[in-house]
Amino acid sequence: MPMKYDLVIIGAGPAGMGAAIIAASHGASVALVDENPVPGGKLRGQVYKEPKANWWIGQEIARNMEKEIKQLGVTCFLEREVWAIYPKWKIMLNNGEQLESDYVVLATGAIEKPIPIPGWTTPGVMAIGAAQVMANIHRVKPGNRVAIIGIDALSLTIAYDLKMAGVDVVGIYLPPFNEFSLDKSNPLKMIAYLSSLSHLAPNPILKLLGKLGKQASVQKLGVNYYPPFGMRVWGIPLHLRKAVVQILGDELVEAIKVTTIDRSGELETKQEKRIPVDCVCISGGLYPLVELANVAGCAFVYVEDLGGHIPLYSDEMETTQSGIFVAGNSTGVEGAKVAMAQGELVGAIISNRLGLLKHGTELIKQAKEKVNVARKNAVIKFHPTIESGREKVLHLWNEKAVK
């Protein structure tokens, strides 16, 4: 027998929980579905220091949101997978349960991009997000001597997490150039990317270099004269002129083979070095996890500024399929605070459509402003041109509406 709800939310990360709390607080009956045994998603593994010396501890925030969800009577379907979505709208779970609702929020988050390199299937090699989960959630070191391949906001943040956990991070390196790594193996592209993260630099000198690095001429000089031993960030060598070309080891990771590269990313094979490690973490970046939106028949667009293919959505986060909404990283890769604010916005919009709000227009306006403020104040930006990406989506939506 189908179980009917005012709202079904798929994904119990920060966006999904935010939507559930707002909708349930206004009286909606809400079902929250997630494949994990507890709500929170990747929020539970996040730990970082904010500019005003405050600590963002995702585990605590997730626990508080979980407590609020339970108090509001949200029905949680945990350790469940969604196998199908049928109009209008029926959600089939992997254990045979069926949920029904006129409104569905897809808050399925993002997934890591792989960068295959020789030896990447050796035991002891993992995605950078797996290392974050091991260290910050399970309190287990992924290794004692760890090398990180790939330079981005995620790898830099987790490198710091690993160092705090007592791991010897031997260095952060570029991947070798291939069709998967592309710009991630180009030193000039990476120094330009790092300049967008200069506000996160751990000391004033690096902050200054980051600001100067926004100039193209300075970027070229920076690559040409980048120290061969790397530049230390939190005591961890950050290499822009070295790439890991092979991961060595038979049954377990034993070492990495590192080669010097020129400023365009070409390998200088005469300068190879073997560095002993027992773990390698690969960071290829993130892209939106949107398969369920495809199953539901939502129209898609490709916006590189948001991380790839995403469902086309309106300024109220509704897709081209009436009643299907999106929130969080499935709309474009950003931080947890933006995801939470987006979830709250969707929760308010759906509550209003259900006739549960007395001053719906004003509350929705406030929720939209909260999203804008969260985006503006975001400490970590996975895509420096995220605002441009959001504008593109709205433009494409308006174009479709005119047609």
Foldseek 3Di string as FASTA:
>chain_A
DAAEWQEEEEAQALLRLLLLLQQLVLPTAYEYEYLAPAGHPLLQLDWDADPVRDIRHSVVVRVVSRVSNVVSPHHYHYNWDFDAFDPPTWTAIPVGHIYDHNAYEYAPAKDFADDDFAPCPAAQEEALSVQSCCCRPVVHHSFQEEEEEFDFLSNVRSVVSNVVSNHHDAAYFYAADDPLQVLSLALLSVLCRVLLQLVVAPDPVSSVLSVVSPDSVSSVVCQQPADPQADDGVHHRYDSQKHFRYFDDDNFTFWTKIFGHHNGRHTPVVRIDTGTTGHYHYGSAIAADCVNVVSHPFDWDAFVLQHTIAGQAELLQHTPDRNYGYAASSHGDDDSQLRNLNSNLNSLVSCVVVVSDPPSVVVNVVSSVSNVVCVVSGSGGRGSCNVVRVVVSNVVVVVVVVD
